[in-house]
Amino acid sequence: MPPEKSISRSLGEFFGHIWKGVQEPVGEPAAKPEGKMIVREHTEEEVRDTPQGKVVLRRTIVEEMEVVPETKKPDA
């Protein structure tokens, strides 16, 4: 079990979190993400016995989302 934190260490972390919150900008709109992002990743794993020995079958499903930035068409 790791040793307990001292009171001064805990107070320093507490005020550090408050300071970080004060420095964070407020009210600015969140930027739209661009590019590919992994939305969900699911892995199924199965162990089977074969005459050659144990075999691990693994199926991984990755769902991605791609945000394409809008391009404005020039007026003709």
N, C-alpha and C. Protein backbone atom coordinates (compact mmCIF):
# COMPACT_ATOMS: atom_id res chain seq x y z
N MET A 1 0.84 -1.17 0.00
CA MET A 1 0.00 0.00 0.00
C MET A 1 0.89 1.24 0.00
N PRO A 2 0.62 2.20 -0.93
CA PRO A 2 1.47 3.40 -0.97
C PRO A 2 1.25 4.27 0.26
N PRO A 3 2.26 5.02 0.66
CA PRO A 3 2.10 5.88 1.84
C PRO A 3 1.08 6.98 1.57
N GLU A 4 0.40 7.41 2.64
CA GLU A 4 -0.62 8.44 2.49
C GLU A 4 0.02 9.78 2.15
N LYS A 5 -0.74 10.61 1.44
CA LYS A 5 -0.25 11.94 1.08
C LYS A 5 -0.28 12.84 2.31
N SER A 6 0.67 13.77 2.37
CA SER A 6 0.68 14.72 3.48
C SER A 6 -0.40 15.78 3.25
N ILE A 7 -0.72 16.50 4.30
CA ILE A 7 -1.75 17.54 4.20
C ILE A 7 -1.29 18.63 3.24
N SER A 8 -0.02 19.00 3.28
CA SER A 8 0.46 20.05 2.39
C SER A 8 0.38 19.59 0.92
N ARG A 9 0.65 18.33 0.67
CA ARG A 9 0.55 17.80 -0.70
C ARG A 9 -0.90 17.85 -1.17
N SER A 10 -1.83 17.43 -0.32
CA SER A 10 -3.24 17.45 -0.67
C SER A 10 -3.74 18.87 -0.91
N LEU A 11 -3.33 19.82 -0.06
CA LEU A 11 -3.72 21.22 -0.26
C LEU A 11 -3.15 21.77 -1.56
N GLY A 12 -1.91 21.41 -1.88
CA GLY A 12 -1.31 21.86 -3.12
C GLY A 12 -2.05 21.35 -4.33
N GLU A 13 -2.46 20.08 -4.31
CA GLU A 13 -3.23 19.53 -5.41
C GLU A 13 -4.60 20.22 -5.51
N PHE A 14 -5.23 20.48 -4.35
CA PHE A 14 -6.53 21.13 -4.33
C PHE A 14 -6.47 22.51 -4.98
N PHE A 15 -5.51 23.33 -4.53
CA PHE A 15 -5.41 24.67 -5.09
C PHE A 15 -4.89 24.64 -6.53
N GLY A 16 -4.14 23.62 -6.88
CA GLY A 16 -3.72 23.46 -8.28
C GLY A 16 -4.90 23.23 -9.19
N HIS A 17 -5.86 22.41 -8.75
CA HIS A 17 -7.07 22.18 -9.55
C HIS A 17 -7.90 23.46 -9.66
N ILE A 18 -7.99 24.20 -8.57
CA ILE A 18 -8.73 25.47 -8.62
C ILE A 18 -8.04 26.43 -9.58
N TRP A 19 -6.73 26.53 -9.51
CA TRP A 19 -5.97 27.43 -10.39
C TRP A 19 -6.17 27.05 -11.86
N LYS A 20 -6.15 25.77 -12.14
CA LYS A 20 -6.37 25.30 -13.51
C LYS A 20 -7.76 25.70 -14.00
N GLY A 21 -8.77 25.59 -13.11
CA GLY A 21 -10.12 26.00 -13.47
C GLY A 21 -10.23 27.49 -13.72
N VAL A 22 -9.48 28.29 -12.96
CA VAL A 22 -9.50 29.75 -13.16
C VAL A 22 -8.86 30.11 -14.49
N GLN A 23 -7.84 29.39 -14.89
CA GLN A 23 -7.12 29.70 -16.13
C GLN A 23 -7.88 29.26 -17.38
N GLU A 24 -8.81 28.32 -17.24
CA GLU A 24 -9.55 27.78 -18.39
C GLU A 24 -10.46 28.85 -18.98
N PRO A 25 -10.44 29.06 -20.31
CA PRO A 25 -11.32 30.06 -20.92
C PRO A 25 -12.78 29.64 -20.78
N VAL A 26 -13.66 30.63 -20.58
CA VAL A 26 -15.08 30.37 -20.39
C VAL A 26 -15.87 31.03 -21.50
N GLY A 27 -16.89 30.34 -21.98
CA GLY A 27 -17.79 30.95 -22.94
C GLY A 27 -17.35 30.85 -24.39
N GLU A 28 -16.18 30.33 -24.65
CA GLU A 28 -15.77 30.19 -26.04
C GLU A 28 -16.40 28.95 -26.63
N PRO A 29 -16.87 29.04 -27.87
CA PRO A 29 -17.48 27.85 -28.47
C PRO A 29 -16.43 26.76 -28.69
N ALA A 30 -16.88 25.55 -28.53
CA ALA A 30 -15.97 24.42 -28.73
C ALA A 30 -15.67 24.28 -30.21
N ALA A 31 -14.42 24.02 -30.52
CA ALA A 31 -14.02 23.85 -31.91
C ALA A 31 -14.58 22.55 -32.46
N LYS A 32 -14.98 22.59 -33.72
CA LYS A 32 -15.48 21.37 -34.35
C LYS A 32 -14.30 20.44 -34.62
N PRO A 33 -14.44 19.19 -34.26
CA PRO A 33 -13.35 18.26 -34.55
C PRO A 33 -13.28 17.98 -36.04
N GLU A 34 -12.07 17.89 -36.55
CA GLU A 34 -11.87 17.57 -37.96
C GLU A 34 -11.02 16.33 -38.05
N GLY A 35 -11.27 15.55 -39.06
CA GLY A 35 -10.50 14.34 -39.26
C GLY A 35 -11.24 13.12 -38.73
N LYS A 36 -10.52 12.03 -38.63
CA LYS A 36 -11.13 10.77 -38.20
C LYS A 36 -11.01 10.63 -36.68
N MET A 37 -12.09 10.13 -36.10
CA MET A 37 -12.10 9.85 -34.67
C MET A 37 -12.67 8.45 -34.47
N ILE A 38 -12.09 7.71 -33.55
CA ILE A 38 -12.62 6.40 -33.22
C ILE A 38 -13.75 6.61 -32.22
N VAL A 39 -14.94 6.17 -32.62
CA VAL A 39 -16.11 6.36 -31.78
C VAL A 39 -16.25 5.20 -30.81
N ARG A 40 -16.07 3.99 -31.32
CA ARG A 40 -16.23 2.81 -30.48
C ARG A 40 -15.32 1.71 -31.00
N GLU A 41 -14.75 0.96 -30.09
CA GLU A 41 -13.90 -0.17 -30.46
C GLU A 41 -14.31 -1.35 -29.59
N HIS A 42 -14.64 -2.46 -30.24
CA HIS A 42 -15.12 -3.64 -29.52
C HIS A 42 -14.30 -4.85 -29.96
N THR A 43 -13.79 -5.61 -29.01
CA THR A 43 -12.98 -6.79 -29.32
C THR A 43 -13.60 -8.02 -28.67
N GLU A 44 -13.80 -9.05 -29.48
CA GLU A 44 -14.27 -10.33 -28.97
C GLU A 44 -13.13 -11.32 -29.09
N GLU A 45 -12.95 -12.12 -28.06
CA GLU A 45 -11.85 -13.07 -28.05
C GLU A 45 -12.39 -14.44 -27.63
N GLU A 46 -11.94 -15.48 -28.35
CA GLU A 46 -12.39 -16.83 -28.06
C GLU A 46 -11.20 -17.78 -28.18
N VAL A 47 -11.08 -18.70 -27.24
CA VAL A 47 -10.01 -19.68 -27.26
C VAL A 47 -10.62 -21.03 -27.64
N ARG A 48 -10.02 -21.68 -28.65
CA ARG A 48 -10.51 -22.99 -29.08
C ARG A 48 -9.37 -23.99 -29.04
N ASP A 49 -9.72 -25.22 -28.71
CA ASP A 49 -8.75 -26.31 -28.73
C ASP A 49 -8.77 -26.95 -30.11
N THR A 50 -7.60 -27.12 -30.70
CA THR A 50 -7.45 -27.78 -32.00
C THR A 50 -6.43 -28.90 -31.84
N PRO A 51 -6.33 -29.78 -32.82
CA PRO A 51 -5.32 -30.85 -32.74
C PRO A 51 -3.89 -30.29 -32.63
N GLN A 52 -3.64 -29.09 -33.15
CA GLN A 52 -2.32 -28.48 -33.09
C GLN A 52 -2.08 -27.75 -31.77
N GLY A 53 -3.11 -27.56 -31.00
CA GLY A 53 -2.99 -26.83 -29.73
C GLY A 53 -4.08 -25.78 -29.61
N LYS A 54 -3.96 -24.94 -28.61
CA LYS A 54 -4.96 -23.88 -28.42
C LYS A 54 -4.78 -22.78 -29.45
N VAL A 55 -5.91 -22.26 -29.92
CA VAL A 55 -5.92 -21.17 -30.90
C VAL A 55 -6.79 -20.05 -30.35
N VAL A 56 -6.31 -18.83 -30.46
CA VAL A 56 -7.08 -17.66 -30.02
C VAL A 56 -7.68 -17.00 -31.25
N LEU A 57 -9.00 -16.90 -31.27
CA LEU A 57 -9.70 -16.20 -32.35
C LEU A 57 -10.11 -14.84 -31.81
N ARG A 58 -9.77 -13.80 -32.55
CA ARG A 58 -10.04 -12.45 -32.08
C ARG A 58 -10.71 -11.67 -33.21
N ARG A 59 -11.84 -11.02 -32.87
CA ARG A 59 -12.54 -10.16 -33.83
C ARG A 59 -12.60 -8.76 -33.23
N THR A 60 -12.09 -7.79 -33.97
CA THR A 60 -12.08 -6.41 -33.51
C THR A 60 -12.93 -5.58 -34.45
N ILE A 61 -13.88 -4.86 -33.89
CA ILE A 61 -14.75 -3.98 -34.66
C ILE A 61 -14.43 -2.55 -34.26
N VAL A 62 -14.06 -1.73 -35.24
CA VAL A 62 -13.72 -0.33 -34.98
C VAL A 62 -14.72 0.53 -35.74
N GLU A 63 -15.41 1.38 -35.01
CA GLU A 63 -16.33 2.33 -35.63
C GLU A 63 -15.66 3.69 -35.63
N GLU A 64 -15.55 4.29 -36.80
CA GLU A 64 -14.90 5.59 -36.93
C GLU A 64 -15.91 6.61 -37.42
N MET A 65 -15.63 7.85 -37.10
CA MET A 65 -16.43 8.96 -37.59
C MET A 65 -15.45 9.95 -38.22
N GLU A 66 -15.76 10.38 -39.42
CA GLU A 66 -14.90 11.35 -40.09
C GLU A 66 -15.68 12.64 -40.30
N VAL A 67 -15.12 13.73 -39.83
CA VAL A 67 -15.74 15.05 -39.99
C VAL A 67 -15.02 15.75 -41.12
N VAL A 68 -15.76 16.03 -42.16
CA VAL A 68 -15.20 16.70 -43.33
C VAL A 68 -15.52 18.18 -43.23
N PRO A 69 -14.50 19.05 -43.28
CA PRO A 69 -14.78 20.49 -43.17
C PRO A 69 -15.59 20.98 -44.37
N GLU A 70 -16.49 21.90 -44.09
CA GLU A 70 -17.33 22.44 -45.15
C GLU A 70 -16.51 23.35 -46.05
N THR A 71 -16.74 23.23 -47.34
CA THR A 71 -16.06 24.13 -48.28
C THR A 71 -17.12 25.01 -48.92
N LYS A 72 -16.86 26.30 -48.95
CA LYS A 72 -17.81 27.23 -49.53
C LYS A 72 -17.56 27.32 -51.03
N LYS A 73 -18.68 27.26 -51.79
CA LYS A 73 -18.58 27.36 -53.24
C LYS A 73 -18.61 28.83 -53.64
N PRO A 74 -17.75 29.25 -54.55
CA PRO A 74 -17.78 30.65 -54.98
C PRO A 74 -19.08 30.94 -55.76
N ASP A 75 -19.63 32.13 -55.53
CA ASP A 75 -20.85 32.53 -56.24
C ASP A 75 -20.51 32.80 -57.69
N ALA A 76 -21.35 32.30 -58.60
CA ALA A 76 -21.10 32.48 -60.03
C ALA A 76 -21.78 33.70 -60.55
